[in-house]
Amino acid sequence: MSTLYTSPQFTHHDALDGVTDFSHKYRISDDYALLVDCGLFQAAGQAA
């Protein structure tokens, strides 16, 4: 098991190609992280 970080790391990931979302990765060690997905798919021609 890897050692826990003294301070968690946060990484932000933006949306791409018709997806109106973003996600955040919360990493507590080299082996453990949690990905929080905050969004939805938007089909062509539809308003959000």
PDB file of N, CA and C in Angstrom:
ATOM      1  N   MET A   1       0.848  -1.189   0.000  1.00  0.00           N
ATOM      2  CA  MET A   1       0.000   0.000   0.000  1.00  0.00           C
ATOM      3  C   MET A   1       0.887   1.243   0.000  1.00  0.00           C
ATOM      4  N   SER A   2       0.493   2.222  -0.780  1.00  0.00           N
ATOM      5  CA  SER A   2       1.277   3.451  -0.858  1.00  0.00           C
ATOM      6  C   SER A   2       0.963   4.371   0.324  1.00  0.00           C
ATOM      7  N   THR A   3       1.860   5.279   0.574  1.00  0.00           N
ATOM      8  CA  THR A   3       1.705   6.247   1.659  1.00  0.00           C
ATOM      9  C   THR A   3       0.717   7.333   1.242  1.00  0.00           C
ATOM     10  N   LEU A   4      -0.146   7.731   2.164  1.00  0.00           N
ATOM     11  CA  LEU A   4      -1.094   8.806   1.887  1.00  0.00           C
ATOM     12  C   LEU A   4      -0.360  10.127   1.746  1.00  0.00           C
ATOM     13  N   TYR A   5      -0.858  10.984   0.859  1.00  0.00           N
ATOM     14  CA  TYR A   5      -0.280  12.316   0.684  1.00  0.00           C
ATOM     15  C   TYR A   5      -0.567  13.152   1.938  1.00  0.00           C
ATOM     16  N   THR A   6       0.324  14.055   2.264  1.00  0.00           N
ATOM     17  CA  THR A   6       0.079  14.957   3.390  1.00  0.00           C
ATOM     18  C   THR A   6      -1.019  15.958   3.043  1.00  0.00           C
ATOM     19  N   SER A   7      -1.200  16.225   1.760  1.00  0.00           N
ATOM     20  CA  SER A   7      -2.227  17.125   1.261  1.00  0.00           C
ATOM     21  C   SER A   7      -2.819  16.487   0.006  1.00  0.00           C
ATOM     22  N   PRO A   8      -4.152  16.313  -0.078  1.00  0.00           N
ATOM     23  CA  PRO A   8      -4.728  15.699  -1.276  1.00  0.00           C
ATOM     24  C   PRO A   8      -4.492  16.557  -2.520  1.00  0.00           C
ATOM     25  N   GLN A   9      -4.473  15.925  -3.681  1.00  0.00           N
ATOM     26  CA  GLN A   9      -4.283  16.633  -4.947  1.00  0.00           C
ATOM     27  C   GLN A   9      -5.606  16.643  -5.707  1.00  0.00           C
ATOM     28  N   PHE A  10      -5.945  17.777  -6.284  1.00  0.00           N
ATOM     29  CA  PHE A  10      -7.152  17.918  -7.081  1.00  0.00           C
ATOM     30  C   PHE A  10      -6.766  18.217  -8.522  1.00  0.00           C
ATOM     31  N   THR A  11      -7.410  17.530  -9.464  1.00  0.00           N
ATOM     32  CA  THR A  11      -7.184  17.759 -10.885  1.00  0.00           C
ATOM     33  C   THR A  11      -8.544  18.015 -11.533  1.00  0.00           C
ATOM     34  N   HIS A  12      -8.630  19.059 -12.350  1.00  0.00           N
ATOM     35  CA  HIS A  12      -9.867  19.421 -13.042  1.00  0.00           C
ATOM     36  C   HIS A  12      -9.779  18.953 -14.492  1.00  0.00           C
ATOM     37  N   HIS A  13     -10.843  18.284 -14.987  1.00  0.00           N
ATOM     38  CA  HIS A  13     -10.911  17.815 -16.373  1.00  0.00           C
ATOM     39  C   HIS A  13     -12.116  18.469 -17.040  1.00  0.00           C
ATOM     40  N   ASP A  14     -11.893  19.142 -18.171  1.00  0.00           N
ATOM     41  CA  ASP A  14     -12.962  19.841 -18.900  1.00  0.00           C
ATOM     42  C   ASP A  14     -13.693  18.907 -19.862  1.00  0.00           C
ATOM     43  N   ALA A  15     -14.836  19.382 -20.339  1.00  0.00           N
ATOM     44  CA  ALA A  15     -15.668  18.645 -21.289  1.00  0.00           C
ATOM     45  C   ALA A  15     -15.042  18.649 -22.686  1.00  0.00           C
ATOM     46  N   LEU A  16     -15.538  17.739 -23.548  1.00  0.00           N
ATOM     47  CA  LEU A  16     -15.022  17.625 -24.908  1.00  0.00           C
ATOM     48  C   LEU A  16     -16.100  17.094 -25.837  1.00  0.00           C
ATOM     49  N   ASP A  17     -16.255  17.662 -27.014  1.00  0.00           N
ATOM     50  CA  ASP A  17     -17.096  17.149 -28.106  1.00  0.00           C
ATOM     51  C   ASP A  17     -18.532  16.797 -27.706  1.00  0.00           C
ATOM     52  N   GLY A  18     -19.375  17.803 -27.480  1.00  0.00           N
ATOM     53  CA  GLY A  18     -20.799  17.569 -27.246  1.00  0.00           C
ATOM     54  C   GLY A  18     -21.150  17.117 -25.838  1.00  0.00           C
ATOM     55  N   VAL A  19     -20.198  17.138 -24.962  1.00  0.00           N
ATOM     56  CA  VAL A  19     -20.469  16.774 -23.572  1.00  0.00           C
ATOM     57  C   VAL A  19     -20.356  18.036 -22.739  1.00  0.00           C
ATOM     58  N   THR A  20     -21.409  18.328 -21.972  1.00  0.00           N
ATOM     59  CA  THR A  20     -21.435  19.567 -21.186  1.00  0.00           C
ATOM     60  C   THR A  20     -21.120  19.234 -19.733  1.00  0.00           C
ATOM     61  N   ASP A  21     -19.965  18.680 -19.508  1.00  0.00           N
ATOM     62  CA  ASP A  21     -19.637  18.315 -18.139  1.00  0.00           C
ATOM     63  C   ASP A  21     -18.194  18.637 -17.806  1.00  0.00           C
ATOM     64  N   PHE A  22     -17.844  18.327 -16.634  1.00  0.00           N
ATOM     65  CA  PHE A  22     -16.479  18.425 -16.161  1.00  0.00           C
ATOM     66  C   PHE A  22     -16.346  17.412 -15.039  1.00  0.00           C
ATOM     67  N   SER A  23     -15.150  17.129 -14.668  1.00  0.00           N
ATOM     68  CA  SER A  23     -14.939  16.213 -13.554  1.00  0.00           C
ATOM     69  C   SER A  23     -13.739  16.670 -12.745  1.00  0.00           C
ATOM     70  N   HIS A  24     -13.706  16.186 -11.527  1.00  0.00           N
ATOM     71  CA  HIS A  24     -12.608  16.499 -10.624  1.00  0.00           C
ATOM     72  C   HIS A  24     -12.051  15.189 -10.089  1.00  0.00           C
ATOM     73  N   LYS A  25     -10.740  15.066 -10.101  1.00  0.00           N
ATOM     74  CA  LYS A  25     -10.097  13.889  -9.525  1.00  0.00           C
ATOM     75  C   LYS A  25      -9.476  14.302  -8.197  1.00  0.00           C
ATOM     76  N   TYR A  26      -9.843  13.566  -7.150  1.00  0.00           N
ATOM     77  CA  TYR A  26      -9.351  13.801  -5.800  1.00  0.00           C
ATOM     78  C   TYR A  26      -8.411  12.651  -5.477  1.00  0.00           C
ATOM     79  N   ARG A  27      -7.110  12.917  -5.469  1.00  0.00           N
ATOM     80  CA  ARG A  27      -6.099  11.868  -5.264  1.00  0.00           C
ATOM     81  C   ARG A  27      -5.525  11.980  -3.859  1.00  0.00           C
ATOM     82  N   ILE A  28      -5.535  10.822  -3.145  1.00  0.00           N
ATOM     83  CA  ILE A  28      -5.013  10.808  -1.777  1.00  0.00           C
ATOM     84  C   ILE A  28      -3.696  10.043  -1.660  1.00  0.00           C
ATOM     85  N   SER A  29      -3.330   9.282  -2.701  1.00  0.00           N
ATOM     86  CA  SER A  29      -2.049   8.569  -2.746  1.00  0.00           C
ATOM     87  C   SER A  29      -1.775   8.189  -4.197  1.00  0.00           C
ATOM     88  N   ASP A  30      -0.638   7.572  -4.467  1.00  0.00           N
ATOM     89  CA  ASP A  30      -0.331   7.143  -5.830  1.00  0.00           C
ATOM     90  C   ASP A  30      -1.285   6.055  -6.317  1.00  0.00           C
ATOM     91  N   ASP A  31      -1.863   5.296  -5.398  1.00  0.00           N
ATOM     92  CA  ASP A  31      -2.734   4.170  -5.754  1.00  0.00           C
ATOM     93  C   ASP A  31      -4.233   4.443  -5.618  1.00  0.00           C
ATOM     94  N   TYR A  32      -4.632   5.516  -4.942  1.00  0.00           N
ATOM     95  CA  TYR A  32      -6.044   5.749  -4.651  1.00  0.00           C
ATOM     96  C   TYR A  32      -6.492   7.145  -5.046  1.00  0.00           C
ATOM     97  N   ALA A  33      -7.640   7.187  -5.758  1.00  0.00           N
ATOM     98  CA  ALA A  33      -8.225   8.465  -6.162  1.00  0.00           C
ATOM     99  C   ALA A  33      -9.728   8.288  -6.333  1.00  0.00           C
ATOM    100  N   LEU A  34     -10.438   9.386  -6.313  1.00  0.00           N
ATOM    101  CA  LEU A  34     -11.873   9.403  -6.514  1.00  0.00           C
ATOM    102  C   LEU A  34     -12.162  10.387  -7.643  1.00  0.00           C
ATOM    103  N   LEU A  35     -12.917   9.964  -8.658  1.00  0.00           N
ATOM    104  CA  LEU A  35     -13.281  10.834  -9.766  1.00  0.00           C
ATOM    105  C   LEU A  35     -14.740  11.243  -9.590  1.00  0.00           C
ATOM    106  N   VAL A  36     -14.995  12.540  -9.534  1.00  0.00           N
ATOM    107  CA  VAL A  36     -16.342  13.076  -9.387  1.00  0.00           C
ATOM    108  C   VAL A  36     -16.755  13.658 -10.731  1.00  0.00           C
ATOM    109  N   ASP A  37     -17.756  13.046 -11.381  1.00  0.00           N
ATOM    110  CA  ASP A  37     -18.242  13.460 -12.695  1.00  0.00           C
ATOM    111  C   ASP A  37     -19.451  14.366 -12.507  1.00  0.00           C
ATOM    112  N   CYS A  38     -19.421  15.557 -13.100  1.00  0.00           N
ATOM    113  CA  CYS A  38     -20.469  16.560 -12.910  1.00  0.00           C
ATOM    114  C   CYS A  38     -20.997  17.024 -14.254  1.00  0.00           C
ATOM    115  N   GLY A  39     -21.822  16.249 -14.927  1.00  0.00           N
ATOM    116  CA  GLY A  39     -22.329  16.716 -16.206  1.00  0.00           C
ATOM    117  C   GLY A  39     -23.238  15.741 -16.897  1.00  0.00           C
ATOM    118  N   LEU A  40     -23.528  16.056 -18.175  1.00  0.00           N
ATOM    119  CA  LEU A  40     -24.402  15.226 -18.963  1.00  0.00           C
ATOM    120  C   LEU A  40     -24.051  15.354 -20.438  1.00  0.00           C
ATOM    121  N   PHE A  41     -24.546  14.437 -21.236  1.00  0.00           N
ATOM    122  CA  PHE A  41     -24.344  14.447 -22.681  1.00  0.00           C
ATOM    123  C   PHE A  41     -25.390  15.342 -23.324  1.00  0.00           C
ATOM    124  N   GLN A  42     -24.972  16.147 -24.295  1.00  0.00           N
ATOM    125  CA  GLN A  42     -25.898  17.017 -25.025  1.00  0.00           C
ATOM    126  C   GLN A  42     -25.835  16.640 -26.499  1.00  0.00           C
ATOM    127  N   ALA A  43     -26.942  16.129 -27.019  1.00  0.00           N
ATOM    128  CA  ALA A  43     -27.010  15.737 -28.430  1.00  0.00           C
ATOM    129  C   ALA A  43     -26.998  16.979 -29.316  1.00  0.00           C
ATOM    130  N   ALA A  44     -26.568  16.828 -30.548  1.00  0.00           N
ATOM    131  CA  ALA A  44     -26.506  17.935 -31.511  1.00  0.00           C
ATOM    132  C   ALA A  44     -27.882  18.546 -31.705  1.00  0.00           C
ATOM    133  N   GLY A  45     -27.968  19.870 -31.675  1.00  0.00           N
ATOM    134  CA  GLY A  45     -29.213  20.569 -31.928  1.00  0.00           C
ATOM    135  C   GLY A  45     -30.119  20.706 -30.729  1.00  0.00           C
ATOM    136  N   GLN A  46     -29.730  20.232 -29.576  1.00  0.00           N
ATOM    137  CA  GLN A  46     -30.557  20.345 -28.370  1.00  0.00           C
ATOM    138  C   GLN A  46     -29.928  21.353 -27.429  1.00  0.00           C
ATOM    139  N   ALA A  47     -30.769  22.185 -26.848  1.00  0.00           N
ATOM    140  CA  ALA A  47     -30.284  23.169 -25.868  1.00  0.00           C
ATOM    141  C   ALA A  47     -30.138  22.502 -24.516  1.00  0.00           C
ATOM    142  N   ALA A  48     -29.199  22.995 -23.756  1.00  0.00           N
ATOM    143  CA  ALA A  48     -28.977  22.448 -22.396  1.00  0.00           C
ATOM    144  C   ALA A  48     -30.020  22.946 -21.443  1.00  0.00           C
TER     145      ALA A  48
END
